[in-house]
Amino acid sequence: MTTLKKTQNGTVPVSHIHVNLADASLHDKSPLPLYHRVYVVLRELIIGGHYQIGQILPAEAELMQKFGVSRITVKRALDELAAEKLVSRSRGRGTMVTQRNTSQSVGAPITASIEGLFTNLSQIADKTTVKIQSFEYLPAPAFVAQQLNLPADTVVQCASRVRYLNKQAFSHSVSYVIEPVGRTFTAKDLKSLALIDLLKRAGIVINRVQQAIGCTLADPDSAQLLNVQIGSPLLRLHRVFFDQNERAINFSQIHYPSDRFEYCMAWSRGSDDKLQIESGTRTSFSL
């Protein structure tokens, strides 16, 4: 998924900006070979939908710069992806994504109190500070348009922001809000209020939330923003808000360092003698 960042030359995708690898480098004491760490980061980006089927990955030279490694290291990582049949490589055309693993589910989705979720979001906003990385209107990337049930390239509001707890990065989120709703608030509003509160202020009634929690690895961009090593484990949360008319209002992707955040659920037996999630489902964070 592409996020944006302000530069002296305007707004450009973060994926096209050279990351300062002095702060986020693969050159740590991990016993894993460099090529394997590049491989797993790229693999996570493909599986997570950042790179879509048919999309061309960045050129070897760009990957060398972003990861701070040699051409041989990048080539071997791409060869590993090709061996797994996630990409195909051809001279003159580059490396193209050919497939991505699909998530499998067992049983019915777990349901929880929507009021508990909103309370958690407001509490996190109250206890943290925010730095806006970007606030723009742009055509929705394919993956985002799919999540929001929008035609391809529909303009949406895209906001990238980092939350801080005790002056240390706690989360990085990228939210995509449909344009009519996004126009009701500004970047200044988003810095001082939680997104859910801004949606309520705009008269939006959230009737349903679709949420998926998974794991991923820090790419160069998220590593720099969260001040972690490239390839570090991150908790990844995808969330879609729907109004009472089943209109998708907002899609957000949020990354948390695994040592700074946990999602807690409490189960109890209901009147029907079946276990269910209590309304007090909460998140916990510390530094």
Protein backbone atom coordinates (compact mmCIF):
# COMPACT_ATOMS: atom_id res chain seq x y z
CA MET A 1 0.00 0.00 0.00
CA THR A 2 1.37 3.38 -0.98
CA THR A 3 1.53 6.21 1.53
CA LEU A 4 2.56 9.78 0.84
CA LYS A 5 5.11 12.12 2.30
CA LYS A 6 5.75 15.83 1.93
CA THR A 7 9.06 16.87 0.40
CA GLN A 8 10.45 20.13 -0.93
CA ASN A 9 9.44 18.95 -4.39
CA GLY A 10 5.83 18.22 -3.44
CA THR A 11 4.05 15.04 -2.35
CA VAL A 12 5.41 11.73 -3.56
CA PRO A 13 4.90 8.08 -2.57
CA VAL A 14 6.93 7.09 0.48
CA SER A 15 8.03 3.96 -1.37
CA HIS A 16 9.92 6.22 -3.77
CA ILE A 17 11.83 8.06 -1.03
CA HIS A 18 15.26 6.93 0.11
CA VAL A 19 15.09 5.82 3.74
CA ASN A 20 17.85 6.82 6.15
CA LEU A 21 19.14 3.35 6.91
CA ALA A 22 21.34 4.65 9.70
CA ASP A 23 18.16 4.51 11.78
CA ALA A 24 16.59 1.43 10.19
CA SER A 25 19.16 -1.03 8.89
CA LEU A 26 19.36 -4.72 8.07
CA HIS A 27 22.92 -4.74 9.39
CA ASP A 28 22.25 -5.90 12.93
CA LYS A 29 23.32 -9.01 14.82
CA SER A 30 20.61 -11.29 13.44
CA PRO A 31 21.95 -14.71 12.38
CA LEU A 32 19.69 -14.66 9.32
CA PRO A 33 21.47 -13.88 6.02
CA LEU A 34 20.80 -10.45 4.55
CA TYR A 35 19.18 -11.86 1.42
CA HIS A 36 16.69 -13.82 3.52
CA ARG A 37 15.68 -10.74 5.49
CA VAL A 38 15.11 -8.81 2.26
CA TYR A 39 13.14 -11.79 0.95
CA VAL A 40 10.80 -12.02 3.95
CA VAL A 41 10.08 -8.28 3.94
CA LEU A 42 9.20 -8.30 0.23
CA ARG A 43 7.18 -11.49 0.69
CA GLU A 44 5.12 -9.85 3.44
CA LEU A 45 4.45 -6.84 1.20
CA ILE A 46 3.17 -9.14 -1.54
CA ILE A 47 1.04 -11.32 0.74
CA GLY A 48 -0.30 -8.28 2.58
CA GLY A 49 -1.54 -6.68 -0.66
CA HIS A 50 0.98 -3.83 -0.88
CA TYR A 51 2.00 -5.19 -4.27
CA GLN A 52 -0.86 -6.50 -6.40
CA ILE A 53 -0.84 -9.30 -8.98
CA GLY A 54 0.54 -7.89 -12.22
CA GLN A 55 2.42 -5.07 -10.49
CA ILE A 56 6.14 -4.61 -11.13
CA LEU A 57 8.35 -4.54 -8.04
CA PRO A 58 10.91 -1.73 -7.63
CA ALA A 59 14.05 -2.19 -9.72
CA GLU A 60 17.07 -3.91 -8.19
CA ALA A 61 18.91 -0.59 -7.91
CA GLU A 62 16.05 0.97 -5.95
CA LEU A 63 15.84 -2.04 -3.61
CA MET A 64 19.60 -1.87 -3.09
CA GLN A 65 19.26 1.74 -2.00
CA LYS A 66 16.22 1.21 0.23
CA PHE A 67 17.66 -1.82 2.04
CA GLY A 68 21.29 -0.69 1.97
CA VAL A 69 22.52 -4.00 0.52
CA SER A 70 24.40 -5.24 -2.54
CA ARG A 71 22.95 -6.23 -5.92
CA ILE A 72 23.83 -9.88 -5.24
CA THR A 73 21.78 -9.77 -2.02
CA VAL A 74 18.75 -8.25 -3.77
CA LYS A 75 19.02 -10.67 -6.70
CA ARG A 76 19.06 -13.69 -4.42
CA ALA A 77 16.04 -12.40 -2.49
CA LEU A 78 14.09 -11.92 -5.73
CA ASP A 79 15.15 -15.37 -6.90
CA GLU A 80 13.71 -16.81 -3.68
CA LEU A 81 10.39 -15.10 -4.40
CA ALA A 82 10.46 -16.46 -7.94
CA ALA A 83 11.18 -19.98 -6.67
CA GLU A 84 8.06 -19.66 -4.49
CA LYS A 85 6.17 -18.55 -7.62
CA LEU A 86 5.12 -15.28 -6.03
CA VAL A 87 6.88 -13.34 -8.81
CA SER A 88 8.22 -13.89 -12.29
CA ARG A 89 11.42 -12.30 -13.56
CA SER A 90 12.26 -11.34 -17.12
CA ARG A 91 14.99 -9.22 -18.68
CA GLY A 92 13.75 -5.80 -19.73
CA ARG A 93 10.43 -6.18 -17.93
CA GLY A 94 11.56 -6.53 -14.33
CA THR A 95 10.04 -8.55 -11.51
CA MET A 96 6.27 -8.92 -11.67
CA VAL A 97 3.96 -10.21 -8.94
CA THR A 98 2.24 -13.34 -10.24
CA GLN A 99 0.29 -14.49 -7.20
CA ARG A 100 -0.17 -13.95 -3.51
CA ASN A 101 -1.13 -16.38 -0.81
CA THR A 102 -4.72 -16.02 0.32
CA SER A 103 -5.80 -16.06 3.92
CA GLN A 104 -7.79 -19.05 5.06
CA SER A 105 -10.33 -18.97 7.86
CA VAL A 106 -11.78 -21.71 10.02
CA GLY A 107 -15.27 -21.28 11.42
CA ALA A 108 -17.27 -18.10 11.82
CA PRO A 109 -15.72 -14.69 12.52
CA ILE A 110 -15.33 -13.67 16.16
CA THR A 111 -17.74 -10.91 17.11
CA ALA A 112 -17.22 -8.26 19.77
CA SER A 113 -18.86 -5.15 21.14
CA ILE A 114 -18.56 -2.16 18.81
CA GLU A 115 -18.95 0.16 21.81
CA GLY A 116 -15.87 -1.42 23.41
CA LEU A 117 -13.86 -0.80 20.25
CA PHE A 118 -14.86 2.88 20.10
CA THR A 119 -13.97 3.32 23.77
CA ASN A 120 -10.52 1.85 23.12
CA LEU A 121 -9.92 4.14 20.16
CA SER A 122 -10.81 7.22 22.19
CA GLN A 123 -8.61 6.09 25.10
CA ILE A 124 -5.61 5.58 22.82
CA ALA A 125 -6.15 9.04 21.33
CA ASP A 126 -6.30 10.60 24.80
CA LYS A 127 -3.05 9.00 25.98
CA THR A 128 -0.91 9.56 22.89
CA THR A 129 0.27 12.41 20.69
CA VAL A 130 0.14 12.47 16.89
CA LYS A 131 2.45 13.59 14.12
CA ILE A 132 0.84 13.91 10.70
CA GLN A 133 3.15 12.51 8.02
CA SER A 134 0.84 13.38 5.12
CA PHE A 135 -2.74 14.51 4.44
CA GLU A 136 -3.76 14.37 0.79
CA TYR A 137 -6.54 13.52 -1.65
CA LEU A 138 -5.50 10.95 -4.24
CA PRO A 139 -6.88 8.13 -6.42
CA ALA A 140 -7.44 5.08 -4.24
CA PRO A 141 -4.86 2.32 -4.79
CA ALA A 142 -6.43 -0.91 -6.10
CA PHE A 143 -6.34 -2.67 -2.74
CA VAL A 144 -7.96 0.30 -0.98
CA ALA A 145 -10.68 0.68 -3.62
CA GLN A 146 -11.50 -2.99 -3.11
CA GLN A 147 -11.79 -2.58 0.66
CA LEU A 148 -14.04 0.48 0.29
CA ASN A 149 -16.15 -1.01 -2.53
CA LEU A 150 -15.22 1.91 -4.80
CA PRO A 151 -14.55 2.04 -8.54
CA ALA A 152 -10.84 2.02 -9.38
CA ASP A 153 -9.05 5.37 -8.97
CA THR A 154 -11.88 7.00 -7.02
CA VAL A 155 -10.45 9.97 -5.08
CA VAL A 156 -10.18 9.42 -1.32
CA GLN A 157 -8.59 11.23 1.58
CA CYS A 158 -5.31 9.59 2.57
CA ALA A 159 -3.74 10.46 5.93
CA SER A 160 -0.54 8.96 7.30
CA ARG A 161 0.24 9.56 10.96
CA VAL A 162 2.46 8.27 13.76
CA ARG A 163 1.27 8.10 17.36
CA TYR A 164 3.71 8.59 20.20
CA LEU A 165 3.56 7.39 23.79
CA ASN A 166 6.12 8.90 26.18
CA LYS A 167 7.83 10.47 23.14
CA GLN A 168 8.46 7.09 21.49
CA ALA A 169 6.69 5.87 18.34
CA PHE A 170 3.78 3.63 19.26
CA SER A 171 1.94 3.08 15.97
CA HIS A 172 1.89 4.09 12.31
CA SER A 173 -1.47 4.28 10.60
CA VAL A 174 -2.65 5.10 7.09
CA SER A 175 -6.35 5.88 6.78
CA TYR A 176 -8.39 6.19 3.61
CA VAL A 177 -11.70 8.06 4.02
CA ILE A 178 -14.25 8.46 1.22
CA GLU A 179 -13.99 11.98 -0.16
CA PRO A 180 -17.41 13.42 0.87
CA VAL A 181 -16.71 12.54 4.50
CA GLY A 182 -13.01 13.40 4.35
CA ARG A 183 -13.82 16.97 3.29
CA THR A 184 -15.54 17.56 6.64
CA PHE A 185 -12.27 17.74 8.60
CA THR A 186 -8.69 18.94 8.21
CA ALA A 187 -5.23 17.68 9.06
CA LYS A 188 -5.30 19.95 12.12
CA ASP A 189 -8.51 18.26 13.27
CA LEU A 190 -6.97 14.82 12.79
CA LYS A 191 -4.00 15.77 14.91
CA SER A 192 -6.15 16.73 17.89
CA LEU A 193 -9.09 14.31 17.64
CA ALA A 194 -9.48 10.58 17.05
CA LEU A 195 -10.76 9.66 13.58
CA ILE A 196 -13.82 7.96 15.06
CA ASP A 197 -14.74 11.22 16.83
CA LEU A 198 -14.35 13.20 13.59
CA LEU A 199 -16.65 10.75 11.81
CA LYS A 200 -19.24 11.15 14.56
CA ARG A 201 -18.90 14.93 14.29
CA ALA A 202 -19.63 14.65 10.56
CA GLY A 203 -22.91 12.88 11.37
CA ILE A 204 -21.70 9.40 10.41
CA VAL A 205 -23.23 6.56 12.41
CA ILE A 206 -20.91 3.55 12.38
CA ASN A 207 -23.12 0.48 12.29
CA ARG A 208 -20.52 -2.21 11.64
CA VAL A 209 -16.74 -2.61 11.83
CA GLN A 210 -14.75 -5.23 9.96
CA GLN A 211 -11.35 -5.86 11.50
CA ALA A 212 -8.48 -8.24 10.76
CA ILE A 213 -5.39 -8.67 12.92
CA GLY A 214 -2.23 -10.29 11.61
CA CYS A 215 1.54 -10.13 11.68
CA THR A 216 4.01 -8.61 9.26
CA LEU A 217 7.62 -7.43 9.08
CA ALA A 218 8.86 -3.86 9.09
CA ASP A 219 9.80 -2.58 5.65
CA PRO A 220 12.27 0.34 5.32
CA ASP A 221 9.49 2.95 5.56
CA SER A 222 7.71 1.59 8.63
CA ALA A 223 11.06 0.77 10.25
CA GLN A 224 12.12 4.40 10.03
CA LEU A 225 8.78 5.76 11.27
CA LEU A 226 8.55 3.34 14.20
CA ASN A 227 12.28 3.40 14.99
CA VAL A 228 12.76 -0.36 14.68
CA GLN A 229 15.04 -2.60 12.61
CA ILE A 230 13.99 -3.53 9.08
CA GLY A 231 12.44 -6.99 9.31
CA SER A 232 11.28 -6.51 12.92
CA PRO A 233 7.91 -8.15 13.74
CA LEU A 234 4.91 -5.83 13.66
CA LEU A 235 1.28 -6.33 14.53
CA ARG A 236 -0.82 -5.36 11.50
CA LEU A 237 -4.43 -4.31 11.85
CA HIS A 238 -6.84 -3.71 8.96
CA ARG A 239 -10.11 -1.98 9.84
CA VAL A 240 -13.13 -0.91 7.76
CA PHE A 241 -15.99 1.23 9.11
CA PHE A 242 -19.49 0.82 7.61
CA ASP A 243 -22.44 3.15 8.17
CA GLN A 244 -26.09 2.15 8.64
CA ASN A 245 -26.51 1.93 4.86
CA GLU A 246 -23.60 -0.55 4.60
CA ARG A 247 -21.48 2.12 2.92
CA ALA A 248 -17.77 1.66 3.59
CA ILE A 249 -16.60 4.97 5.11
CA ASN A 250 -12.98 4.38 6.07
CA PHE A 251 -10.26 1.78 5.59
CA SER A 252 -7.23 1.95 7.88
CA GLN A 253 -4.02 -0.03 8.04
CA ILE A 254 -2.16 0.25 11.36
CA HIS A 255 1.22 -1.13 12.35
CA TYR A 256 2.36 -1.61 15.96
CA PRO A 257 5.77 -2.79 17.19
CA SER A 258 5.16 -6.16 18.80
CA ASP A 259 6.72 -5.12 22.11
CA ARG A 260 4.58 -1.99 22.53
CA PHE A 261 1.02 -3.18 21.93
CA GLU A 262 -1.26 -6.14 22.63
CA TYR A 263 -4.92 -6.83 21.88
CA CYS A 264 -6.74 -8.43 24.82
CA MET A 265 -10.07 -10.31 24.70
CA ALA A 266 -12.07 -11.63 27.63
CA TRP A 267 -14.58 -14.45 27.14
CA SER A 268 -17.61 -15.27 29.31
CA ARG A 269 -20.52 -17.70 29.15
CA GLY A 270 -23.76 -16.02 28.10
CA SER A 271 -27.38 -16.78 28.92
CA ASP A 272 -27.47 -19.20 25.98
CA ASP A 273 -24.60 -21.15 27.62
CA LYS A 274 -22.24 -20.16 24.78
CA LEU A 275 -18.93 -18.36 25.20
CA GLN A 276 -18.87 -14.79 23.89
CA ILE A 277 -16.49 -11.85 23.99
CA GLU A 278 -17.20 -9.44 26.81
CA SER A 279 -17.91 -5.80 25.99
CA GLY A 280 -14.74 -4.85 27.85
CA THR A 281 -12.43 -6.14 25.11
CA ARG A 282 -9.45 -3.82 25.25
CA THR A 283 -6.04 -2.98 23.95
CA SER A 284 -2.94 -2.62 26.10
CA PHE A 285 0.15 -0.58 25.30
CA SER A 286 3.33 0.30 27.11
CA LEU A 287 6.89 1.49 26.49
